N, C-alpha and C. Protein backbone atom coordinates (compact mmCIF):
# COMPACT_ATOMS: atom_id res chain seq x y z
N UNK A 1 -71.34 -220.49 30.43
CA UNK A 1 -70.75 -219.26 29.98
C UNK A 1 -70.44 -218.39 31.20
N UNK A 2 -69.23 -217.91 31.28
CA UNK A 2 -68.81 -217.07 32.40
C UNK A 2 -69.43 -215.68 32.28
N UNK A 3 -69.75 -215.12 33.43
CA UNK A 3 -70.31 -213.78 33.44
C UNK A 3 -69.19 -212.77 33.20
N UNK A 4 -69.48 -211.80 32.35
CA UNK A 4 -68.52 -210.75 32.08
C UNK A 4 -68.56 -209.74 33.22
N UNK A 5 -67.44 -209.47 33.81
CA UNK A 5 -67.37 -208.52 34.91
C UNK A 5 -67.48 -207.09 34.36
N UNK A 6 -68.17 -206.22 35.10
CA UNK A 6 -68.31 -204.84 34.64
C UNK A 6 -66.98 -204.08 34.67
N UNK A 7 -66.81 -203.19 33.71
CA UNK A 7 -65.64 -202.31 33.67
C UNK A 7 -65.81 -201.24 34.75
N UNK A 8 -64.79 -200.42 34.94
CA UNK A 8 -64.87 -199.33 35.92
C UNK A 8 -65.99 -198.36 35.54
N UNK A 9 -66.10 -198.03 34.26
CA UNK A 9 -67.17 -197.12 33.81
C UNK A 9 -68.55 -197.75 34.03
N UNK A 10 -68.68 -199.04 33.75
CA UNK A 10 -69.95 -199.73 33.97
C UNK A 10 -70.30 -199.78 35.45
N UNK A 11 -69.30 -200.01 36.31
CA UNK A 11 -69.54 -200.01 37.76
C UNK A 11 -70.02 -198.65 38.23
N UNK A 12 -69.43 -197.59 37.67
CA UNK A 12 -69.85 -196.23 38.04
C UNK A 12 -71.31 -196.01 37.64
N UNK A 13 -71.67 -196.42 36.42
CA UNK A 13 -73.05 -196.26 35.95
C UNK A 13 -74.00 -197.09 36.82
N UNK A 14 -73.64 -198.32 37.12
CA UNK A 14 -74.48 -199.18 37.95
C UNK A 14 -74.69 -198.56 39.34
N UNK A 15 -73.66 -197.92 39.88
CA UNK A 15 -73.79 -197.28 41.19
C UNK A 15 -74.71 -196.08 41.11
N UNK A 16 -74.63 -195.31 40.02
CA UNK A 16 -75.52 -194.16 39.86
C UNK A 16 -76.98 -194.61 39.77
N UNK A 17 -77.21 -195.70 39.04
CA UNK A 17 -78.57 -196.24 38.91
C UNK A 17 -79.06 -196.73 40.28
N UNK A 18 -78.20 -197.44 41.00
CA UNK A 18 -78.58 -197.93 42.33
C UNK A 18 -78.87 -196.77 43.28
N UNK A 19 -78.07 -195.72 43.21
CA UNK A 19 -78.27 -194.55 44.07
C UNK A 19 -79.59 -193.84 43.75
N UNK A 20 -80.01 -193.89 42.50
CA UNK A 20 -81.25 -193.23 42.08
C UNK A 20 -82.46 -193.89 42.73
N UNK A 21 -82.45 -195.21 42.82
CA UNK A 21 -83.56 -195.93 43.44
C UNK A 21 -84.49 -196.56 42.42
N UNK A 22 -85.57 -197.11 42.90
CA UNK A 22 -86.53 -197.83 42.05
C UNK A 22 -87.31 -196.85 41.17
N UNK A 23 -87.21 -197.04 39.85
CA UNK A 23 -87.90 -196.14 38.92
C UNK A 23 -89.41 -196.35 38.96
N UNK A 24 -89.87 -197.55 39.23
CA UNK A 24 -91.31 -197.82 39.31
C UNK A 24 -91.90 -197.18 40.57
N UNK A 25 -91.21 -197.30 41.67
CA UNK A 25 -91.69 -196.67 42.91
C UNK A 25 -91.75 -195.16 42.75
N UNK A 26 -90.81 -194.59 42.02
CA UNK A 26 -90.83 -193.14 41.80
C UNK A 26 -92.11 -192.74 41.07
N UNK A 27 -92.51 -193.52 40.07
CA UNK A 27 -93.73 -193.24 39.34
C UNK A 27 -94.93 -193.31 40.29
N UNK A 28 -94.86 -194.21 41.27
CA UNK A 28 -95.92 -194.34 42.26
C UNK A 28 -95.85 -193.27 43.35
N UNK A 29 -94.88 -192.37 43.26
CA UNK A 29 -94.77 -191.27 44.21
C UNK A 29 -93.83 -191.52 45.38
N UNK A 30 -93.11 -192.63 45.36
CA UNK A 30 -92.15 -192.93 46.43
C UNK A 30 -90.75 -192.61 45.89
N UNK A 31 -90.01 -191.82 46.62
CA UNK A 31 -88.70 -191.36 46.15
C UNK A 31 -87.56 -192.12 46.83
N UNK A 32 -86.53 -192.43 46.05
CA UNK A 32 -85.29 -193.05 46.54
C UNK A 32 -85.51 -194.37 47.28
N UNK A 33 -86.37 -195.22 46.75
CA UNK A 33 -86.57 -196.54 47.34
C UNK A 33 -85.38 -197.42 46.96
N UNK A 34 -84.71 -198.05 47.93
CA UNK A 34 -83.56 -198.90 47.62
C UNK A 34 -83.91 -199.93 46.55
N UNK A 35 -82.93 -200.23 45.70
CA UNK A 35 -83.23 -201.08 44.55
C UNK A 35 -82.16 -202.12 44.27
N UNK A 36 -82.53 -203.02 43.39
CA UNK A 36 -81.64 -204.03 42.82
C UNK A 36 -81.40 -203.61 41.37
N UNK A 37 -80.31 -204.08 40.81
CA UNK A 37 -80.03 -203.79 39.41
C UNK A 37 -80.69 -204.85 38.53
N UNK A 38 -81.51 -204.39 37.60
CA UNK A 38 -82.15 -205.28 36.63
C UNK A 38 -81.51 -205.04 35.27
N UNK A 39 -80.95 -206.10 34.68
CA UNK A 39 -80.38 -206.02 33.34
C UNK A 39 -81.49 -206.23 32.32
N UNK A 40 -81.60 -205.32 31.36
CA UNK A 40 -82.64 -205.40 30.35
C UNK A 40 -82.24 -206.39 29.27
N UNK A 41 -83.03 -207.44 29.15
CA UNK A 41 -82.79 -208.45 28.11
C UNK A 41 -83.61 -208.08 26.89
N UNK A 42 -82.95 -208.03 25.74
CA UNK A 42 -83.63 -207.66 24.51
C UNK A 42 -82.85 -208.21 23.32
N UNK A 43 -83.59 -208.74 22.36
CA UNK A 43 -82.91 -209.21 21.15
C UNK A 43 -82.28 -208.04 20.41
N UNK A 44 -82.82 -206.84 20.61
CA UNK A 44 -82.25 -205.64 19.97
C UNK A 44 -80.83 -205.37 20.43
N UNK A 45 -80.55 -205.65 21.71
CA UNK A 45 -79.19 -205.40 22.20
C UNK A 45 -78.38 -206.69 22.30
N UNK A 46 -78.85 -207.75 21.63
CA UNK A 46 -78.10 -208.99 21.55
C UNK A 46 -78.05 -209.77 22.84
N UNK A 47 -79.12 -209.70 23.64
CA UNK A 47 -79.10 -210.39 24.94
C UNK A 47 -80.40 -211.13 25.19
N UNK A 48 -80.72 -212.05 24.32
CA UNK A 48 -81.90 -212.86 24.52
C UNK A 48 -81.66 -213.90 25.59
N UNK A 49 -82.48 -214.91 25.60
CA UNK A 49 -82.36 -215.99 26.59
C UNK A 49 -80.96 -216.60 26.52
N UNK A 50 -80.33 -216.72 27.68
CA UNK A 50 -79.02 -217.36 27.76
C UNK A 50 -77.85 -216.45 27.40
N UNK A 51 -78.12 -215.24 26.95
CA UNK A 51 -77.04 -214.31 26.63
C UNK A 51 -77.03 -213.18 27.65
N UNK A 52 -75.85 -212.79 28.06
CA UNK A 52 -75.70 -211.77 29.10
C UNK A 52 -75.98 -210.38 28.53
N UNK A 53 -76.92 -209.66 29.11
CA UNK A 53 -77.16 -208.29 28.67
C UNK A 53 -76.03 -207.36 29.13
N UNK A 54 -75.82 -206.27 28.42
CA UNK A 54 -74.75 -205.35 28.82
C UNK A 54 -75.03 -204.69 30.17
N UNK A 55 -73.97 -204.36 30.88
CA UNK A 55 -74.10 -203.71 32.19
C UNK A 55 -74.55 -202.25 32.06
N UNK A 56 -74.63 -201.75 30.85
CA UNK A 56 -75.07 -200.37 30.63
C UNK A 56 -76.56 -200.27 30.39
N UNK A 57 -77.21 -201.38 30.08
CA UNK A 57 -78.67 -201.40 29.84
C UNK A 57 -79.35 -201.97 31.07
N UNK A 58 -79.56 -201.09 32.06
CA UNK A 58 -80.05 -201.54 33.36
C UNK A 58 -81.12 -200.59 33.90
N UNK A 59 -81.87 -201.09 34.85
CA UNK A 59 -82.84 -200.31 35.61
C UNK A 59 -82.64 -200.59 37.08
N UNK A 60 -82.96 -199.61 37.90
CA UNK A 60 -83.01 -199.84 39.33
C UNK A 60 -84.45 -200.16 39.70
N UNK A 61 -84.67 -201.33 40.26
CA UNK A 61 -86.00 -201.76 40.67
C UNK A 61 -85.93 -202.36 42.07
N UNK A 62 -86.90 -202.02 42.92
CA UNK A 62 -86.97 -202.66 44.23
C UNK A 62 -87.27 -204.14 44.04
N UNK A 63 -87.11 -204.92 45.08
CA UNK A 63 -87.35 -206.36 44.97
C UNK A 63 -88.75 -206.67 44.47
N UNK A 64 -89.74 -205.92 44.93
CA UNK A 64 -91.12 -206.18 44.52
C UNK A 64 -91.33 -205.92 43.02
N UNK A 65 -90.81 -204.81 42.51
CA UNK A 65 -90.98 -204.50 41.09
C UNK A 65 -90.02 -205.29 40.21
N UNK A 66 -88.96 -205.83 40.80
CA UNK A 66 -87.99 -206.60 40.04
C UNK A 66 -88.38 -208.08 39.90
N UNK A 67 -88.68 -208.72 41.06
CA UNK A 67 -88.81 -210.18 40.97
C UNK A 67 -89.85 -210.83 41.88
N UNK A 68 -90.42 -210.11 42.85
CA UNK A 68 -91.31 -210.79 43.79
C UNK A 68 -92.77 -210.36 43.72
N UNK A 69 -93.06 -209.20 43.18
CA UNK A 69 -94.43 -208.68 43.18
C UNK A 69 -95.26 -209.16 42.00
N UNK A 70 -96.58 -209.01 42.14
CA UNK A 70 -97.48 -209.37 41.05
C UNK A 70 -97.27 -208.46 39.84
N UNK A 71 -96.84 -207.22 40.10
CA UNK A 71 -96.51 -206.28 39.04
C UNK A 71 -94.99 -206.12 39.07
N UNK A 72 -94.29 -207.03 38.38
CA UNK A 72 -92.83 -207.00 38.34
C UNK A 72 -92.35 -207.45 36.97
N UNK A 73 -91.10 -207.13 36.67
CA UNK A 73 -90.59 -207.49 35.33
C UNK A 73 -90.40 -208.99 35.16
N UNK A 74 -90.27 -209.73 36.25
CA UNK A 74 -90.08 -211.17 36.11
C UNK A 74 -91.34 -211.99 36.33
N UNK A 75 -92.26 -211.54 37.20
CA UNK A 75 -93.46 -212.33 37.48
C UNK A 75 -94.72 -211.79 36.82
N UNK A 76 -94.77 -210.49 36.60
CA UNK A 76 -95.97 -209.88 36.03
C UNK A 76 -95.61 -208.83 35.01
N UNK A 77 -94.87 -209.26 33.98
CA UNK A 77 -94.31 -208.31 33.02
C UNK A 77 -95.39 -207.52 32.28
N UNK A 78 -96.46 -208.19 31.86
CA UNK A 78 -97.52 -207.51 31.12
C UNK A 78 -98.13 -206.39 31.98
N UNK A 79 -98.44 -206.71 33.21
CA UNK A 79 -99.01 -205.71 34.13
C UNK A 79 -98.00 -204.60 34.40
N UNK A 80 -96.73 -204.96 34.52
CA UNK A 80 -95.67 -203.98 34.75
C UNK A 80 -95.61 -202.98 33.59
N UNK A 81 -95.62 -203.49 32.36
CA UNK A 81 -95.55 -202.62 31.18
C UNK A 81 -96.79 -201.73 31.08
N UNK A 82 -97.95 -202.29 31.36
CA UNK A 82 -99.19 -201.50 31.31
C UNK A 82 -99.15 -200.34 32.31
N UNK A 83 -98.58 -200.59 33.47
CA UNK A 83 -98.57 -199.56 34.52
C UNK A 83 -97.43 -198.56 34.38
N UNK A 84 -96.23 -199.04 34.03
CA UNK A 84 -95.04 -198.18 34.05
C UNK A 84 -94.42 -197.90 32.68
N UNK A 85 -94.75 -198.69 31.67
CA UNK A 85 -94.12 -198.56 30.36
C UNK A 85 -93.10 -199.66 30.17
N UNK A 86 -92.52 -199.70 28.99
CA UNK A 86 -91.54 -200.74 28.68
C UNK A 86 -90.23 -200.49 29.43
N UNK A 87 -89.45 -201.52 29.54
CA UNK A 87 -88.13 -201.39 30.18
C UNK A 87 -87.28 -200.38 29.41
N UNK A 88 -87.37 -200.41 28.08
CA UNK A 88 -86.59 -199.49 27.26
C UNK A 88 -87.00 -198.04 27.50
N UNK A 89 -88.30 -197.81 27.63
CA UNK A 89 -88.81 -196.46 27.92
C UNK A 89 -88.29 -195.99 29.28
N UNK A 90 -88.40 -196.85 30.29
CA UNK A 90 -87.96 -196.48 31.64
C UNK A 90 -86.45 -196.24 31.67
N UNK A 91 -85.72 -197.05 30.94
CA UNK A 91 -84.26 -196.89 30.90
C UNK A 91 -83.88 -195.57 30.26
N UNK A 92 -84.59 -195.19 29.20
CA UNK A 92 -84.32 -193.91 28.53
C UNK A 92 -84.58 -192.74 29.48
N UNK A 93 -85.73 -192.78 30.18
CA UNK A 93 -86.07 -191.72 31.12
C UNK A 93 -85.06 -191.65 32.27
N UNK A 94 -84.67 -192.81 32.79
CA UNK A 94 -83.70 -192.87 33.87
C UNK A 94 -82.37 -192.27 33.43
N UNK A 95 -81.91 -192.66 32.25
CA UNK A 95 -80.64 -192.15 31.72
C UNK A 95 -80.70 -190.62 31.59
N UNK A 96 -81.81 -190.10 31.07
CA UNK A 96 -81.96 -188.64 30.92
C UNK A 96 -81.89 -187.95 32.28
N UNK A 97 -82.56 -188.49 33.28
CA UNK A 97 -82.58 -187.87 34.61
C UNK A 97 -81.19 -187.89 35.26
N UNK A 98 -80.50 -189.01 35.14
CA UNK A 98 -79.16 -189.11 35.73
C UNK A 98 -78.20 -188.18 35.00
N UNK A 99 -78.28 -188.10 33.68
CA UNK A 99 -77.41 -187.19 32.93
C UNK A 99 -77.69 -185.74 33.29
N UNK A 100 -78.96 -185.38 33.46
CA UNK A 100 -79.31 -184.02 33.90
C UNK A 100 -78.71 -183.74 35.27
N UNK A 101 -78.84 -184.69 36.18
CA UNK A 101 -78.29 -184.53 37.52
C UNK A 101 -76.77 -184.36 37.46
N UNK A 102 -76.10 -185.16 36.64
CA UNK A 102 -74.64 -185.06 36.51
C UNK A 102 -74.23 -183.70 35.99
N UNK A 103 -74.99 -183.14 35.06
CA UNK A 103 -74.69 -181.79 34.54
C UNK A 103 -74.81 -180.75 35.64
N UNK A 104 -75.83 -180.86 36.46
CA UNK A 104 -76.03 -179.91 37.56
C UNK A 104 -74.88 -180.02 38.56
N UNK A 105 -74.54 -181.24 38.92
CA UNK A 105 -73.48 -181.47 39.90
C UNK A 105 -72.12 -180.97 39.36
N UNK A 106 -71.89 -181.15 38.08
CA UNK A 106 -70.62 -180.72 37.48
C UNK A 106 -70.44 -179.20 37.52
N UNK A 107 -71.55 -178.46 37.57
CA UNK A 107 -71.47 -177.00 37.65
C UNK A 107 -70.81 -176.57 38.95
N UNK A 108 -71.11 -177.30 40.01
CA UNK A 108 -70.58 -176.95 41.32
C UNK A 108 -69.30 -177.69 41.54
């Protein structure tokens, strides 16, 4: 199955998430840690195993929290959820923060 390329709006959102940094590191008190884009896979959004998740359901996670650390969404998901919350929870909080920031920036 070919990967669906992101639209211009999706690319803009992905860039905003990347610019925000790792949401897990922020909870740990580290601000603006460079991140990778993690697509949230969920049967709720129609993206289970083998199905491409939408480019709008994403998190910014550093390599350690994304795929290489003991507490990461790919290697230590249970520990990750216990420490930081579910991916859906983090995505909701991230979306709220970015939207708040966009409102502030739009004023100026």
